[in-house]
Amino acid sequence: MDINILRSVVTLVSMVVFLLIVGWAYSSRNKERFDELAQLPLDDDVSGRSQ
């Protein structure tokens, strides 16, 4: 196996993994959960902390 073929395979696999991650991140199934998690730093009701 030539090193250039190996580099091409690694590049192709990396691109496919990247596209899968982007597809997962922008999936409408995850939107509600991501919106909820995005509001955590702004949430005043912090449970588990003593004040």
PDB file of N, CA and C in Angstrom:
ATOM      1  N   MET A   1       0.846  -1.174   0.000  1.00  0.00           N
ATOM      2  CA  MET A   1       0.000   0.000   0.000  1.00  0.00           C
ATOM      3  C   MET A   1       0.893   1.240   0.000  1.00  0.00           C
ATOM      4  N   ASP A   2       0.667   2.083  -0.949  1.00  0.00           N
ATOM      5  CA  ASP A   2       1.421   3.322  -1.087  1.00  0.00           C
ATOM      6  C   ASP A   2       0.980   4.326  -0.020  1.00  0.00           C
ATOM      7  N   ILE A   3       1.896   5.179   0.429  1.00  0.00           N
ATOM      8  CA  ILE A   3       1.594   6.162   1.467  1.00  0.00           C
ATOM      9  C   ILE A   3       0.538   7.158   0.991  1.00  0.00           C
ATOM     10  N   ASN A   4       0.508   7.455  -0.299  1.00  0.00           N
ATOM     11  CA  ASN A   4      -0.479   8.398  -0.827  1.00  0.00           C
ATOM     12  C   ASN A   4      -1.894   7.819  -0.782  1.00  0.00           C
ATOM     13  N   ILE A   5      -2.011   6.525  -0.994  1.00  0.00           N
ATOM     14  CA  ILE A   5      -3.318   5.875  -0.878  1.00  0.00           C
ATOM     15  C   ILE A   5      -3.782   5.916   0.570  1.00  0.00           C
ATOM     16  N   LEU A   6      -2.874   5.655   1.492  1.00  0.00           N
ATOM     17  CA  LEU A   6      -3.207   5.712   2.912  1.00  0.00           C
ATOM     18  C   LEU A   6      -3.643   7.117   3.316  1.00  0.00           C
ATOM     19  N   ARG A   7      -2.939   8.125   2.845  1.00  0.00           N
ATOM     20  CA  ARG A   7      -3.320   9.510   3.130  1.00  0.00           C
ATOM     21  C   ARG A   7      -4.698   9.833   2.555  1.00  0.00           C
ATOM     22  N   SER A   8      -4.974   9.365   1.382  1.00  0.00           N
ATOM     23  CA  SER A   8      -6.274   9.602   0.757  1.00  0.00           C
ATOM     24  C   SER A   8      -7.394   8.935   1.547  1.00  0.00           C
ATOM     25  N   VAL A   9      -7.157   7.719   2.000  1.00  0.00           N
ATOM     26  CA  VAL A   9      -8.154   6.993   2.786  1.00  0.00           C
ATOM     27  C   VAL A   9      -8.400   7.710   4.112  1.00  0.00           C
ATOM     28  N   VAL A  10      -7.347   8.149   4.778  1.00  0.00           N
ATOM     29  CA  VAL A  10      -7.495   8.858   6.051  1.00  0.00           C
ATOM     30  C   VAL A  10      -8.243  10.169   5.834  1.00  0.00           C
ATOM     31  N   THR A  11      -7.950  10.885   4.772  1.00  0.00           N
ATOM     32  CA  THR A  11      -8.647  12.130   4.463  1.00  0.00           C
ATOM     33  C   THR A  11     -10.121  11.871   4.198  1.00  0.00           C
ATOM     34  N   LEU A  12     -10.423  10.858   3.435  1.00  0.00           N
ATOM     35  CA  LEU A  12     -11.815  10.522   3.123  1.00  0.00           C
ATOM     36  C   LEU A  12     -12.581  10.109   4.379  1.00  0.00           C
ATOM     37  N   VAL A  13     -11.981   9.286   5.215  1.00  0.00           N
ATOM     38  CA  VAL A  13     -12.629   8.853   6.455  1.00  0.00           C
ATOM     39  C   VAL A  13     -12.841  10.054   7.374  1.00  0.00           C
ATOM     40  N   SER A  14     -11.860  10.938   7.466  1.00  0.00           N
ATOM     41  CA  SER A  14     -12.000  12.126   8.300  1.00  0.00           C
ATOM     42  C   SER A  14     -13.131  13.020   7.804  1.00  0.00           C
ATOM     43  N   MET A  15     -13.260  13.184   6.502  1.00  0.00           N
ATOM     44  CA  MET A  15     -14.322  14.004   5.939  1.00  0.00           C
ATOM     45  C   MET A  15     -15.688  13.397   6.218  1.00  0.00           C
ATOM     46  N   VAL A  16     -15.802  12.092   6.094  1.00  0.00           N
ATOM     47  CA  VAL A  16     -17.075  11.421   6.360  1.00  0.00           C
ATOM     48  C   VAL A  16     -17.449  11.566   7.834  1.00  0.00           C
ATOM     49  N   VAL A  17     -16.497  11.397   8.726  1.00  0.00           N
ATOM     50  CA  VAL A  17     -16.758  11.555  10.159  1.00  0.00           C
ATOM     51  C   VAL A  17     -17.180  12.991  10.457  1.00  0.00           C
ATOM     52  N   PHE A  18     -16.510  13.968   9.871  1.00  0.00           N
ATOM     53  CA  PHE A  18     -16.865  15.369  10.057  1.00  0.00           C
ATOM     54  C   PHE A  18     -18.291  15.633   9.587  1.00  0.00           C
ATOM     55  N   LEU A  19     -18.652  15.135   8.425  1.00  0.00           N
ATOM     56  CA  LEU A  19     -20.006  15.343   7.901  1.00  0.00           C
ATOM     57  C   LEU A  19     -21.056  14.658   8.776  1.00  0.00           C
ATOM     58  N   LEU A  20     -20.730  13.506   9.331  1.00  0.00           N
ATOM     59  CA  LEU A  20     -21.662  12.840  10.245  1.00  0.00           C
ATOM     60  C   LEU A  20     -21.855  13.651  11.517  1.00  0.00           C
ATOM     61  N   ILE A  21     -20.789  14.226  12.048  1.00  0.00           N
ATOM     62  CA  ILE A  21     -20.896  15.055  13.248  1.00  0.00           C
ATOM     63  C   ILE A  21     -21.718  16.303  12.959  1.00  0.00           C
ATOM     64  N   VAL A  22     -21.491  16.938  11.818  1.00  0.00           N
ATOM     65  CA  VAL A  22     -22.273  18.122  11.448  1.00  0.00           C
ATOM     66  C   VAL A  22     -23.744  17.745  11.275  1.00  0.00           C
ATOM     67  N   GLY A  23     -24.011  16.631  10.637  1.00  0.00           N
ATOM     68  CA  GLY A  23     -25.393  16.178  10.468  1.00  0.00           C
ATOM     69  C   GLY A  23     -26.061  15.904  11.801  1.00  0.00           C
ATOM     70  N   TRP A  24     -25.329  15.321  12.735  1.00  0.00           N
ATOM     71  CA  TRP A  24     -25.874  15.044  14.070  1.00  0.00           C
ATOM     72  C   TRP A  24     -26.147  16.345  14.821  1.00  0.00           C
ATOM     73  N   ALA A  25     -25.228  17.300  14.709  1.00  0.00           N
ATOM     74  CA  ALA A  25     -25.372  18.561  15.437  1.00  0.00           C
ATOM     75  C   ALA A  25     -26.552  19.376  14.925  1.00  0.00           C
ATOM     76  N   TYR A  26     -26.819  19.333  13.645  1.00  0.00           N
ATOM     77  CA  TYR A  26     -27.911  20.111  13.066  1.00  0.00           C
ATOM     78  C   TYR A  26     -29.198  19.310  12.923  1.00  0.00           C
ATOM     79  N   SER A  27     -29.230  18.123  13.464  1.00  0.00           N
ATOM     80  CA  SER A  27     -30.415  17.284  13.396  1.00  0.00           C
ATOM     81  C   SER A  27     -31.550  17.905  14.205  1.00  0.00           C
ATOM     82  N   SER A  28     -32.741  17.859  13.671  1.00  0.00           N
ATOM     83  CA  SER A  28     -33.888  18.436  14.376  1.00  0.00           C
ATOM     84  C   SER A  28     -34.251  17.620  15.613  1.00  0.00           C
ATOM     85  N   ARG A  29     -33.825  16.376  15.693  1.00  0.00           N
ATOM     86  CA  ARG A  29     -34.086  15.563  16.883  1.00  0.00           C
ATOM     87  C   ARG A  29     -33.368  16.122  18.105  1.00  0.00           C
ATOM     88  N   ASN A  30     -32.221  16.751  17.902  1.00  0.00           N
ATOM     89  CA  ASN A  30     -31.411  17.248  19.009  1.00  0.00           C
ATOM     90  C   ASN A  30     -31.678  18.711  19.341  1.00  0.00           C
ATOM     91  N   LYS A  31     -32.502  19.397  18.555  1.00  0.00           N
ATOM     92  CA  LYS A  31     -32.687  20.837  18.732  1.00  0.00           C
ATOM     93  C   LYS A  31     -33.210  21.178  20.117  1.00  0.00           C
ATOM     94  N   GLU A  32     -34.223  20.496  20.593  1.00  0.00           N
ATOM     95  CA  GLU A  32     -34.806  20.809  21.901  1.00  0.00           C
ATOM     96  C   GLU A  32     -33.769  20.636  23.014  1.00  0.00           C
ATOM     97  N   ARG A  33     -33.031  19.557  22.972  1.00  0.00           N
ATOM     98  CA  ARG A  33     -32.022  19.296  24.001  1.00  0.00           C
ATOM     99  C   ARG A  33     -30.905  20.331  23.951  1.00  0.00           C
ATOM    100  N   PHE A  34     -30.447  20.678  22.750  1.00  0.00           N
ATOM    101  CA  PHE A  34     -29.386  21.670  22.623  1.00  0.00           C
ATOM    102  C   PHE A  34     -29.857  23.045  23.073  1.00  0.00           C
ATOM    103  N   ASP A  35     -31.120  23.402  22.769  1.00  0.00           N
ATOM    104  CA  ASP A  35     -31.655  24.684  23.218  1.00  0.00           C
ATOM    105  C   ASP A  35     -31.719  24.737  24.745  1.00  0.00           C
ATOM    106  N   GLU A  36     -32.113  23.631  25.348  1.00  0.00           N
ATOM    107  CA  GLU A  36     -32.172  23.563  26.809  1.00  0.00           C
ATOM    108  C   GLU A  36     -30.772  23.683  27.418  1.00  0.00           C
ATOM    109  N   LEU A  37     -29.804  22.991  26.845  1.00  0.00           N
ATOM    110  CA  LEU A  37     -28.440  23.052  27.356  1.00  0.00           C
ATOM    111  C   LEU A  37     -27.808  24.428  27.137  1.00  0.00           C
ATOM    112  N   ALA A  38     -28.211  25.108  26.079  1.00  0.00           N
ATOM    113  CA  ALA A  38     -27.656  26.436  25.806  1.00  0.00           C
ATOM    114  C   ALA A  38     -28.122  27.449  26.845  1.00  0.00           C
ATOM    115  N   GLN A  39     -29.261  27.202  27.479  1.00  0.00           N
ATOM    116  CA  GLN A  39     -29.793  28.133  28.469  1.00  0.00           C
ATOM    117  C   GLN A  39     -29.252  27.889  29.876  1.00  0.00           C
ATOM    118  N   LEU A  40     -28.533  26.805  30.097  1.00  0.00           N
ATOM    119  CA  LEU A  40     -28.021  26.484  31.428  1.00  0.00           C
ATOM    120  C   LEU A  40     -27.158  27.588  32.041  1.00  0.00           C
ATOM    121  N   PRO A  41     -26.241  28.202  31.312  1.00  0.00           N
ATOM    122  CA  PRO A  41     -25.434  29.253  31.945  1.00  0.00           C
ATOM    123  C   PRO A  41     -26.261  30.472  32.357  1.00  0.00           C
ATOM    124  N   LEU A  42     -27.412  30.671  31.741  1.00  0.00           N
ATOM    125  CA  LEU A  42     -28.248  31.831  32.028  1.00  0.00           C
ATOM    126  C   LEU A  42     -29.316  31.540  33.071  1.00  0.00           C
ATOM    127  N   ASP A  43     -29.425  30.295  33.478  1.00  0.00           N
ATOM    128  CA  ASP A  43     -30.470  29.878  34.402  1.00  0.00           C
ATOM    129  C   ASP A  43     -30.139  30.351  35.814  1.00  0.00           C
ATOM    130  N   ASP A  44     -31.094  31.069  36.453  1.00  0.00           N
ATOM    131  CA  ASP A  44     -30.889  31.561  37.816  1.00  0.00           C
ATOM    132  C   ASP A  44     -31.114  30.480  38.857  1.00  0.00           C
ATOM    133  N   ASP A  45     -31.937  29.514  38.533  1.00  0.00           N
ATOM    134  CA  ASP A  45     -32.267  28.445  39.483  1.00  0.00           C
ATOM    135  C   ASP A  45     -31.201  27.359  39.393  1.00  0.00           C
ATOM    136  N   VAL A  46     -30.188  27.479  40.225  1.00  0.00           N
ATOM    137  CA  VAL A  46     -29.087  26.515  40.232  1.00  0.00           C
ATOM    138  C   VAL A  46     -29.310  25.581  41.421  1.00  0.00           C
ATOM    139  N   SER A  47     -29.700  24.362  41.141  1.00  0.00           N
ATOM    140  CA  SER A  47     -29.941  23.411  42.210  1.00  0.00           C
ATOM    141  C   SER A  47     -28.627  22.754  42.621  1.00  0.00           C
ATOM    142  N   GLY A  48     -28.532  22.457  43.908  1.00  0.00           N
ATOM    143  CA  GLY A  48     -27.344  21.785  44.392  1.00  0.00           C
ATOM    144  C   GLY A  48     -26.283  22.714  44.925  1.00  0.00           C
ATOM    145  N   ARG A  49     -26.500  23.999  44.830  1.00  0.00           N
ATOM    146  CA  ARG A  49     -25.541  24.980  45.367  1.00  0.00           C
ATOM    147  C   ARG A  49     -26.091  25.617  46.631  1.00  0.00           C
ATOM    148  N   SER A  50     -25.249  25.779  47.586  1.00  0.00           N
ATOM    149  CA  SER A  50     -25.671  26.479  48.810  1.00  0.00           C
ATOM    150  C   SER A  50     -25.379  27.956  48.635  1.00  0.00           C
ATOM    151  N   GLN A  51     -26.345  28.772  49.049  1.00  0.00           N
ATOM    152  CA  GLN A  51     -26.174  30.217  48.871  1.00  0.00           C
ATOM    153  C   GLN A  51     -26.252  30.938  50.174  1.00  0.00           C
TER     154      GLN A  51
END
